[in-house]
């Protein structure tokens, strides 16, 4: 398995931006889809964005389409989530995760998870 560590979360005003980073170690991320998920307090975790291993394919949940951008640098074993025009409803703990395949939107296919980073958007 790969070890993942998120960073970049924090408190931001509505309309602001944050960039989350996910650093991987233990094995290369090349060949595996990477996803960003978020979990609201007391709620189930939901998928936010996914990138295929070669960034040729991406997915965004409707609520972040046009505001968030997922990217990766396979050479540095890093994945990023650029978040813009943030809204209070984006407040959650954000997790990056590595899948077992080159592409998946199913949480069950992700077997390595970071510890999460808190994003709080004030109104």
C-alpha atoms as a PDB file:
ATOM      1  CA  UNK A   1       0.000   0.000   0.000  1.00  0.00           C
ATOM      2  CA  UNK A   2       0.916   3.623  -0.439  1.00  0.00           C
ATOM      3  CA  UNK A   3       1.034   6.117   2.415  1.00  0.00           C
ATOM      4  CA  UNK A   4      -0.771   9.388   1.773  1.00  0.00           C
ATOM      5  CA  UNK A   5      -0.529  12.671   3.673  1.00  0.00           C
ATOM      6  CA  UNK A   6      -2.806  15.616   2.939  1.00  0.00           C
ATOM      7  CA  UNK A   7      -2.002  19.241   3.645  1.00  0.00           C
ATOM      8  CA  UNK A   8      -3.268  22.683   2.750  1.00  0.00           C
ATOM      9  CA  UNK A   9      -6.545  22.772   4.592  1.00  0.00           C
ATOM     10  CA  UNK A  10      -7.570  25.685   6.753  1.00  0.00           C
ATOM     11  CA  UNK A  11     -10.066  28.463   7.306  1.00  0.00           C
ATOM     12  CA  UNK A  12     -11.053  30.657   4.393  1.00  0.00           C
ATOM     13  CA  UNK A  13     -13.816  33.127   3.668  1.00  0.00           C
ATOM     14  CA  UNK A  14     -16.508  32.332   1.159  1.00  0.00           C
ATOM     15  CA  UNK A  15     -15.299  33.104  -2.334  1.00  0.00           C
ATOM     16  CA  UNK A  16     -11.725  32.335  -1.423  1.00  0.00           C
ATOM     17  CA  UNK A  17      -9.371  29.626  -2.609  1.00  0.00           C
ATOM     18  CA  UNK A  18      -7.304  26.822  -1.150  1.00  0.00           C
ATOM     19  CA  UNK A  19      -5.012  24.240  -2.674  1.00  0.00           C
ATOM     20  CA  UNK A  20      -4.884  20.849  -1.055  1.00  0.00           C
ATOM     21  CA  UNK A  21      -1.841  18.670  -1.565  1.00  0.00           C
ATOM     22  CA  UNK A  22      -1.481  14.932  -1.178  1.00  0.00           C
ATOM     23  CA  UNK A  23       2.006  13.489  -0.820  1.00  0.00           C
ATOM     24  CA  UNK A  24       2.510   9.798  -1.487  1.00  0.00           C
ATOM     25  CA  UNK A  25       5.231   7.482  -0.290  1.00  0.00           C
ATOM     26  CA  UNK A  26       5.815   3.758  -0.242  1.00  0.00           C
ATOM     27  CA  UNK A  27       5.096   3.185  -3.914  1.00  0.00           C
ATOM     28  CA  UNK A  28       4.565   5.176  -7.052  1.00  0.00           C
ATOM     29  CA  UNK A  29       1.143   6.570  -7.874  1.00  0.00           C
ATOM     30  CA  UNK A  30       1.693   5.894 -11.561  1.00  0.00           C
ATOM     31  CA  UNK A  31      -0.928   3.497 -12.852  1.00  0.00           C
ATOM     32  CA  UNK A  32      -3.531   4.206 -10.194  1.00  0.00           C
ATOM     33  CA  UNK A  33      -6.471   6.565 -10.056  1.00  0.00           C
ATOM     34  CA  UNK A  34      -6.404   9.123  -7.275  1.00  0.00           C
ATOM     35  CA  UNK A  35      -9.493  10.571  -5.713  1.00  0.00           C
ATOM     36  CA  UNK A  36     -10.351  13.384  -3.376  1.00  0.00           C
ATOM     37  CA  UNK A  37     -13.236  12.698  -1.033  1.00  0.00           C
ATOM     38  CA  UNK A  38     -14.856  14.778   1.675  1.00  0.00           C
ATOM     39  CA  UNK A  39     -16.840  14.029   4.761  1.00  0.00           C
ATOM     40  CA  UNK A  40     -19.241  16.406   6.427  1.00  0.00           C
ATOM     41  CA  UNK A  41     -19.645  16.170  10.173  1.00  0.00           C
ATOM     42  CA  UNK A  42     -21.928  13.249  10.930  1.00  0.00           C
ATOM     43  CA  UNK A  43     -22.357  12.335   7.285  1.00  0.00           C
ATOM     44  CA  UNK A  44     -21.093   9.713   4.882  1.00  0.00           C
ATOM     45  CA  UNK A  45     -17.968  10.379   2.895  1.00  0.00           C
ATOM     46  CA  UNK A  46     -18.571  11.504  -0.686  1.00  0.00           C
ATOM     47  CA  UNK A  47     -16.402  11.590  -3.743  1.00  0.00           C
ATOM     48  CA  UNK A  48     -15.330  15.053  -4.902  1.00  0.00           C
ATOM     49  CA  UNK A  49     -12.939  14.497  -7.807  1.00  0.00           C
ATOM     50  CA  UNK A  50     -10.975  11.731  -9.477  1.00  0.00           C
ATOM     51  CA  UNK A  51      -8.055  11.716 -11.852  1.00  0.00           C
ATOM     52  CA  UNK A  52      -6.913   8.735 -13.850  1.00  0.00           C
ATOM     53  CA  UNK A  53      -3.282   7.787 -13.508  1.00  0.00           C
ATOM     54  CA  UNK A  54      -2.188   9.699 -16.598  1.00  0.00           C
ATOM     55  CA  UNK A  55      -4.574  12.696 -16.014  1.00  0.00           C
ATOM     56  CA  UNK A  56      -6.313  11.894 -19.290  1.00  0.00           C
ATOM     57  CA  UNK A  57      -9.634  11.479 -17.518  1.00  0.00           C
ATOM     58  CA  UNK A  58     -11.167  13.388 -14.645  1.00  0.00           C
ATOM     59  CA  UNK A  59     -14.436  13.411 -12.780  1.00  0.00           C
ATOM     60  CA  UNK A  60     -16.016  16.039 -10.547  1.00  0.00           C
ATOM     61  CA  UNK A  61     -19.136  15.862  -8.471  1.00  0.00           C
ATOM     62  CA  UNK A  62     -21.694  18.358  -9.785  1.00  0.00           C
ATOM     63  CA  UNK A  63     -21.445  20.622  -6.757  1.00  0.00           C
ATOM     64  CA  UNK A  64     -17.767  21.438  -7.436  1.00  0.00           C
ATOM     65  CA  UNK A  65     -17.745  21.352 -11.235  1.00  0.00           C
ATOM     66  CA  UNK A  66     -16.112  24.500 -12.536  1.00  0.00           C
ATOM     67  CA  UNK A  67     -14.729  25.475  -9.131  1.00  0.00           C
ATOM     68  CA  UNK A  68     -12.323  22.644  -8.243  1.00  0.00           C
ATOM     69  CA  UNK A  69      -9.480  21.247 -10.294  1.00  0.00           C
ATOM     70  CA  UNK A  70      -7.689  17.988  -9.607  1.00  0.00           C
ATOM     71  CA  UNK A  71      -4.165  17.506 -10.874  1.00  0.00           C
ATOM     72  CA  UNK A  72      -1.230  15.240 -10.267  1.00  0.00           C
ATOM     73  CA  UNK A  73       2.519  15.150 -10.718  1.00  0.00           C
ATOM     74  CA  UNK A  74       3.490  11.518 -11.059  1.00  0.00           C
ATOM     75  CA  UNK A  75       7.164  12.394 -11.065  1.00  0.00           C
ATOM     76  CA  UNK A  76       6.832  13.956  -7.610  1.00  0.00           C
ATOM     77  CA  UNK A  77       4.221  11.490  -6.409  1.00  0.00           C
ATOM     78  CA  UNK A  78       1.899  14.397  -5.602  1.00  0.00           C
ATOM     79  CA  UNK A  79      -1.785  15.058  -6.197  1.00  0.00           C
ATOM     80  CA  UNK A  80      -3.484  18.419  -5.799  1.00  0.00           C
ATOM     81  CA  UNK A  81      -6.986  19.799  -5.450  1.00  0.00           C
ATOM     82  CA  UNK A  82      -7.272  23.463  -6.345  1.00  0.00           C
ATOM     83  CA  UNK A  83     -10.454  24.824  -4.820  1.00  0.00           C
ATOM     84  CA  UNK A  84     -11.812  28.201  -5.880  1.00  0.00           C
ATOM     85  CA  UNK A  85     -15.001  30.165  -5.228  1.00  0.00           C
ATOM     86  CA  UNK A  86     -15.363  28.254  -2.002  1.00  0.00           C
ATOM     87  CA  UNK A  87     -18.753  28.089  -0.328  1.00  0.00           C
ATOM     88  CA  UNK A  88     -19.709  27.375   3.276  1.00  0.00           C
ATOM     89  CA  UNK A  89     -21.152  24.062   2.101  1.00  0.00           C
ATOM     90  CA  UNK A  90     -17.642  22.995   1.067  1.00  0.00           C
ATOM     91  CA  UNK A  91     -16.739  22.828   4.763  1.00  0.00           C
ATOM     92  CA  UNK A  92     -15.645  19.254   5.447  1.00  0.00           C
ATOM     93  CA  UNK A  93     -12.671  16.998   6.080  1.00  0.00           C
ATOM     94  CA  UNK A  94     -10.993  16.256   2.777  1.00  0.00           C
ATOM     95  CA  UNK A  95      -9.200  12.988   2.080  1.00  0.00           C
ATOM     96  CA  UNK A  96      -7.064  11.812  -0.789  1.00  0.00           C
ATOM     97  CA  UNK A  97      -7.081   8.151  -1.675  1.00  0.00           C
ATOM     98  CA  UNK A  98      -5.410   5.796  -4.105  1.00  0.00           C
ATOM     99  CA  UNK A  99      -7.371   3.184  -5.974  1.00  0.00           C
ATOM    100  CA  UNK A 100      -6.450  -0.330  -7.029  1.00  0.00           C
ATOM    101  CA  UNK A 101      -6.914   0.471 -10.709  1.00  0.00           C
ATOM    102  CA  UNK A 102      -6.271   3.165 -13.277  1.00  0.00           C
ATOM    103  CA  UNK A 103      -9.820   4.537 -12.950  1.00  0.00           C
ATOM    104  CA  UNK A 104     -12.629   4.242 -10.453  1.00  0.00           C
ATOM    105  CA  UNK A 105     -15.358   6.385  -8.911  1.00  0.00           C
ATOM    106  CA  UNK A 106     -16.320   3.751  -6.362  1.00  0.00           C
ATOM    107  CA  UNK A 107     -15.076   4.381  -2.858  1.00  0.00           C
ATOM    108  CA  UNK A 108     -14.773   0.652  -2.281  1.00  0.00           C
ATOM    109  CA  UNK A 109     -12.033   0.517  -4.913  1.00  0.00           C
ATOM    110  CA  UNK A 110      -9.797   2.877  -2.940  1.00  0.00           C
ATOM    111  CA  UNK A 111      -7.534   1.036  -0.544  1.00  0.00           C
ATOM    112  CA  UNK A 112      -5.091   3.682   0.672  1.00  0.00           C
ATOM    113  CA  UNK A 113      -6.272   6.794   2.494  1.00  0.00           C
ATOM    114  CA  UNK A 114      -4.698   9.835   4.050  1.00  0.00           C
ATOM    115  CA  UNK A 115      -5.601  11.114   7.487  1.00  0.00           C
ATOM    116  CA  UNK A 116      -7.643  13.999   6.125  1.00  0.00           C
ATOM    117  CA  UNK A 117      -7.359  17.770   6.269  1.00  0.00           C
ATOM    118  CA  UNK A 118     -10.041  20.123   7.534  1.00  0.00           C
ATOM    119  CA  UNK A 119     -11.411  22.807   5.236  1.00  0.00           C
ATOM    120  CA  UNK A 120     -13.640  25.417   6.820  1.00  0.00           C
ATOM    121  CA  UNK A 121     -15.341  28.098   4.744  1.00  0.00           C
ATOM    122  CA  UNK A 122     -16.883  30.987   6.654  1.00  0.00           C
ATOM    123  CA  UNK A 123     -19.782  32.987   5.312  1.00  0.00           C
END
